[in-house]
Structure formats: C-alpha cells, structure tokens
Amino acid sequence: MNHALSGKGMECEGLVEKKEAAVMEEAATEMALWNAETSDSAKLVIESELRRWRQQQKKEAVANTFSFAFGQTHVKKEEEDEEGPHPHSLKMRKKKLKKTRAEDAVGGRETRRKGQRKRGSEEERMRGD
C-alpha cells in the first residue's frame, strides 16, 4: 500500500508540476502580449513625437528661409539706395507714371492711349494741318 500511495503521490506531484508549468507558460504569454502592446503604444508615441519634431523643423526652416529672404531684400534695398533703382524697375515705372500724370494735370502734355493718334490742338485742327 505504501507503494500505491507513493505512486499516487508521484502522479499528483507530476500533475502539480504540469499545472505550474501551464500557469507559468500562460503568465509568460500574457507578459509577452503586454510587452507587445506596450511596445506598439510606445512606438505610436515615438512616431507622433517624431512627426511633431519634423513639423517643428519644417516651420523653423521656413522661418529661417523667410528671415534670410527678408535679409536679402534688405541688403538689396541698401544697394539700391547707393546706386539708385534700375531704370526699368517697377519703382521707376511708377515714378515715371506719376510724373506724366502730374504733367497732364497741369496741361504740360496731352494724354494718349496706346493706339490713338495725336490729334493736336484745336488751332491745328481748324487750320487743317
């Protein structure tokens, strides 16, 4: 009988060991799943931080480009002050247009649109020239 009890005891010990191994395996599986979920969420967090950082870098690059362009405009303006504007520049064309309008208002010149002939003064028309 002693032998039968020891056989049953060994069998129980084997079952207990199998049960413990199954519990340990289940715990390891749960731990692995939790780590995977954590790494996925950590991965998402890292990716979002990286996206934010890249956007910030782009904004800074645009700001630096803008300030560089502004600085270059400022430099060009200083050069322009020294040499004067280019005769065909928009600034000069506007200046010339203002001058001609002022002369027209005073009566210094007749205004003509592109494609119109000069009609001359009334006296010239009366004479038939």
C-alpha atoms as a PDB file:
ATOM      1  CA  MET A   1       0.000   0.000   0.000  1.00  0.00           C
ATOM      2  CA  ASN A   2       2.785   2.232   0.744  1.00  0.00           C
ATOM      3  CA  HIS A   3       3.931   1.706  -2.741  1.00  0.00           C
ATOM      4  CA  ALA A   4       0.491   2.564  -4.159  1.00  0.00           C
ATOM      5  CA  LEU A   5       0.353   5.765  -2.144  1.00  0.00           C
ATOM      6  CA  SER A   6       3.786   6.750  -3.251  1.00  0.00           C
ATOM      7  CA  GLY A   7       2.735   6.099  -6.887  1.00  0.00           C
ATOM      8  CA  LYS A   8      -0.341   8.284  -6.419  1.00  0.00           C
ATOM      9  CA  GLY A   9       1.798  10.936  -4.727  1.00  0.00           C
ATOM     10  CA  MET A  10       4.220  10.920  -7.609  1.00  0.00           C
ATOM     11  CA  GLU A  11       1.335  11.181 -10.030  1.00  0.00           C
ATOM     12  CA  CYS A  12      -0.078  14.160  -8.097  1.00  0.00           C
ATOM     13  CA  GLU A  13       3.314  15.796  -7.997  1.00  0.00           C
ATOM     14  CA  GLY A  14       3.572  15.331 -11.771  1.00  0.00           C
ATOM     15  CA  LEU A  15       0.134  16.885 -12.251  1.00  0.00           C
ATOM     16  CA  VAL A  16       1.056  19.782  -9.961  1.00  0.00           C
ATOM     17  CA  GLU A  17       4.250  20.353 -11.914  1.00  0.00           C
ATOM     18  CA  LYS A  18       2.318  20.255 -15.206  1.00  0.00           C
ATOM     19  CA  LYS A  19      -0.232  22.717 -13.789  1.00  0.00           C
ATOM     20  CA  GLU A  20       2.542  25.032 -12.580  1.00  0.00           C
ATOM     21  CA  ALA A  21       4.231  24.827 -15.986  1.00  0.00           C
ATOM     22  CA  ALA A  22       0.930  25.685 -17.713  1.00  0.00           C
ATOM     23  CA  VAL A  23       0.380  28.643 -15.359  1.00  0.00           C
ATOM     24  CA  MET A  24       3.951  29.836 -15.950  1.00  0.00           C
ATOM     25  CA  GLU A  25       3.513  29.477 -19.704  1.00  0.00           C
ATOM     26  CA  GLU A  26       0.236  31.406 -19.576  1.00  0.00           C
ATOM     27  CA  ALA A  27       1.871  34.134 -17.493  1.00  0.00           C
ATOM     28  CA  ALA A  28       4.761  34.312 -19.958  1.00  0.00           C
ATOM     29  CA  THR A  29       2.311  34.560 -22.865  1.00  0.00           C
ATOM     30  CA  GLU A  30       0.371  37.339 -21.119  1.00  0.00           C
ATOM     31  CA  MET A  31       3.622  39.128 -20.351  1.00  0.00           C
ATOM     32  CA  ALA A  32       4.713  38.843 -23.986  1.00  0.00           C
ATOM     33  CA  LEU A  33       1.346  40.174 -25.186  1.00  0.00           C
ATOM     34  CA  TRP A  34       1.509  43.054 -22.711  1.00  0.00           C
ATOM     35  CA  ASN A  35       5.048  43.867 -23.849  1.00  0.00           C
ATOM     36  CA  ALA A  36       3.921  43.794 -27.480  1.00  0.00           C
ATOM     37  CA  GLU A  37       1.002  46.127 -26.721  1.00  0.00           C
ATOM     38  CA  THR A  38       3.269  48.383 -24.725  1.00  0.00           C
ATOM     39  CA  SER A  39       5.837  48.444 -27.492  1.00  0.00           C
ATOM     40  CA  ASP A  40       3.098  49.224 -30.034  1.00  0.00           C
ATOM     41  CA  SER A  41       1.813  52.104 -27.927  1.00  0.00           C
ATOM     42  CA  ALA A  42       5.375  53.229 -27.262  1.00  0.00           C
ATOM     43  CA  LYS A  43       6.034  53.001 -30.977  1.00  0.00           C
ATOM     44  CA  LEU A  44       2.974  55.166 -31.661  1.00  0.00           C
ATOM     45  CA  VAL A  45       4.112  57.706 -29.090  1.00  0.00           C
ATOM     46  CA  ILE A  46       7.601  57.813 -30.566  1.00  0.00           C
ATOM     47  CA  GLU A  47       6.218  58.179 -34.096  1.00  0.00           C
ATOM     48  CA  SER A  48       3.930  61.037 -33.053  1.00  0.00           C
ATOM     49  CA  GLU A  49       6.828  62.776 -31.291  1.00  0.00           C
ATOM     50  CA  LEU A  50       8.962  62.302 -34.385  1.00  0.00           C
ATOM     51  CA  ARG A  51       6.185  63.767 -36.560  1.00  0.00           C
ATOM     52  CA  ARG A  52       5.904  66.775 -34.241  1.00  0.00           C
ATOM     53  CA  TRP A  53       9.666  67.255 -34.291  1.00  0.00           C
ATOM     54  CA  ARG A  54       9.760  67.106 -38.103  1.00  0.00           C
ATOM     55  CA  GLN A  55       6.927  69.646 -38.366  1.00  0.00           C
ATOM     56  CA  GLN A  56       8.788  71.923 -35.974  1.00  0.00           C
ATOM     57  CA  GLN A  57      11.944  71.562 -38.064  1.00  0.00           C
ATOM     58  CA  LYS A  58       9.978  72.456 -41.212  1.00  0.00           C
ATOM     59  CA  LYS A  59       8.477  75.515 -39.510  1.00  0.00           C
ATOM     60  CA  GLU A  60      11.915  76.644 -38.367  1.00  0.00           C
ATOM     61  CA  ALA A  61      13.328  76.076 -41.845  1.00  0.00           C
ATOM     62  CA  VAL A  62      10.539  78.158 -43.376  1.00  0.00           C
ATOM     63  CA  ALA A  63      11.062  80.869 -40.765  1.00  0.00           C
ATOM     64  CA  ASN A  64      14.807  80.865 -41.430  1.00  0.00           C
ATOM     65  CA  THR A  65      14.210  80.996 -45.174  1.00  0.00           C
ATOM     66  CA  PHE A  66      11.804  83.879 -44.714  1.00  0.00           C
ATOM     67  CA  SER A  67      14.207  85.791 -42.499  1.00  0.00           C
ATOM     68  CA  PHE A  68      17.026  85.061 -44.945  1.00  0.00           C
ATOM     69  CA  ALA A  69      14.895  86.292 -47.836  1.00  0.00           C
ATOM     70  CA  PHE A  70      13.908  89.340 -45.808  1.00  0.00           C
ATOM     71  CA  GLY A  71      17.550  89.952 -45.005  1.00  0.00           C
ATOM     72  CA  GLN A  72      18.437  89.687 -48.689  1.00  0.00           C
ATOM     73  CA  THR A  73      15.653  92.115 -49.595  1.00  0.00           C
ATOM     74  CA  HIS A  74      17.000  94.477 -47.001  1.00  0.00           C
ATOM     75  CA  VAL A  75      20.507  94.167 -48.457  1.00  0.00           C
ATOM     76  CA  LYS A  76      19.177  94.778 -51.971  1.00  0.00           C
ATOM     77  CA  LYS A  77      17.356  97.866 -50.759  1.00  0.00           C
ATOM     78  CA  GLU A  78      20.589  99.230 -49.283  1.00  0.00           C
ATOM     79  CA  GLU A  79      22.379  98.575 -52.579  1.00  0.00           C
ATOM     80  CA  GLU A  80      19.512 100.253 -54.394  1.00  0.00           C
ATOM     81  CA  ASP A  81      19.865 103.335 -52.201  1.00  0.00           C
ATOM     82  CA  GLU A  82      23.530 103.586 -53.138  1.00  0.00           C
ATOM     83  CA  GLU A  83      23.098 103.049 -56.892  1.00  0.00           C
ATOM     84  CA  GLY A  84      19.501 104.090 -57.340  1.00  0.00           C
ATOM     85  CA  PRO A  85      16.793 101.787 -58.712  1.00  0.00           C
ATOM     86  CA  HIS A  86      17.128 100.145 -62.089  1.00  0.00           C
ATOM     87  CA  PRO A  87      15.514 102.339 -64.790  1.00  0.00           C
ATOM     88  CA  HIS A  88      13.127  99.553 -65.838  1.00  0.00           C
ATOM     89  CA  SER A  89      12.176  98.553 -62.307  1.00  0.00           C
ATOM     90  CA  LEU A  90       8.591  98.756 -61.130  1.00  0.00           C
ATOM     91  CA  LYS A  91       9.545 101.551 -58.785  1.00  0.00           C
ATOM     92  CA  MET A  92      10.916 103.663 -61.638  1.00  0.00           C
ATOM     93  CA  ARG A  93       7.948 102.923 -63.899  1.00  0.00           C
ATOM     94  CA  LYS A  94       5.562 104.046 -61.164  1.00  0.00           C
ATOM     95  CA  LYS A  95       7.639 107.164 -60.592  1.00  0.00           C
ATOM     96  CA  LYS A  96       7.581 107.980 -64.318  1.00  0.00           C
ATOM     97  CA  LEU A  97       3.821 107.380 -64.484  1.00  0.00           C
ATOM     98  CA  LYS A  98       3.235 109.744 -61.558  1.00  0.00           C
ATOM     99  CA  LYS A  99       5.375 112.373 -63.260  1.00  0.00           C
ATOM    100  CA  THR A 100       3.462 112.130 -66.538  1.00  0.00           C
ATOM    101  CA  ARG A 101       0.115 112.250 -64.745  1.00  0.00           C
ATOM    102  CA  ALA A 102       1.229 115.345 -62.871  1.00  0.00           C
ATOM    103  CA  GLU A 103       2.296 116.969 -66.146  1.00  0.00           C
ATOM    104  CA  ASP A 104      -1.016 116.007 -67.748  1.00  0.00           C
ATOM    105  CA  ALA A 105      -2.936 117.529 -64.876  1.00  0.00           C
ATOM    106  CA  VAL A 106      -1.023 120.794 -65.286  1.00  0.00           C
ATOM    107  CA  GLY A 107      -1.501 120.704 -69.048  1.00  0.00           C
ATOM    108  CA  GLY A 108       2.076 120.015 -69.985  1.00  0.00           C
ATOM    109  CA  ARG A 109       1.209 117.137 -72.340  1.00  0.00           C
ATOM    110  CA  GLU A 110      -1.773 115.588 -73.976  1.00  0.00           C
ATOM    111  CA  THR A 111      -2.809 112.180 -72.797  1.00  0.00           C
ATOM    112  CA  ARG A 112      -2.948 109.464 -75.385  1.00  0.00           C
ATOM    113  CA  ARG A 113      -3.927 105.891 -75.044  1.00  0.00           C
ATOM    114  CA  LYS A 114      -1.973 103.255 -76.826  1.00  0.00           C
ATOM    115  CA  GLY A 115      -3.002 103.110 -80.478  1.00  0.00           C
ATOM    116  CA  GLN A 116      -4.563 106.576 -80.635  1.00  0.00           C
ATOM    117  CA  ARG A 117      -3.187 109.229 -82.947  1.00  0.00           C
ATOM    118  CA  LYS A 118      -2.160 112.595 -81.687  1.00  0.00           C
ATOM    119  CA  ARG A 119      -4.951 114.972 -82.614  1.00  0.00           C
ATOM    120  CA  GLY A 120      -3.098 118.193 -81.972  1.00  0.00           C
ATOM    121  CA  SER A 121      -4.508 121.388 -80.613  1.00  0.00           C
ATOM    122  CA  GLU A 122      -7.781 122.972 -81.739  1.00  0.00           C
ATOM    123  CA  GLU A 123      -5.917 125.624 -83.690  1.00  0.00           C
ATOM    124  CA  GLU A 124      -4.094 122.971 -85.734  1.00  0.00           C
ATOM    125  CA  ARG A 125      -7.351 121.217 -86.460  1.00  0.00           C
ATOM    126  CA  MET A 126      -9.009 124.443 -87.530  1.00  0.00           C
ATOM    127  CA  ARG A 127      -6.143 125.245 -89.896  1.00  0.00           C
ATOM    128  CA  GLY A 128      -6.309 121.771 -91.359  1.00  0.00           C
ATOM    129  CA  ASP A 129      -2.694 120.876 -90.716  1.00  0.00           C
END
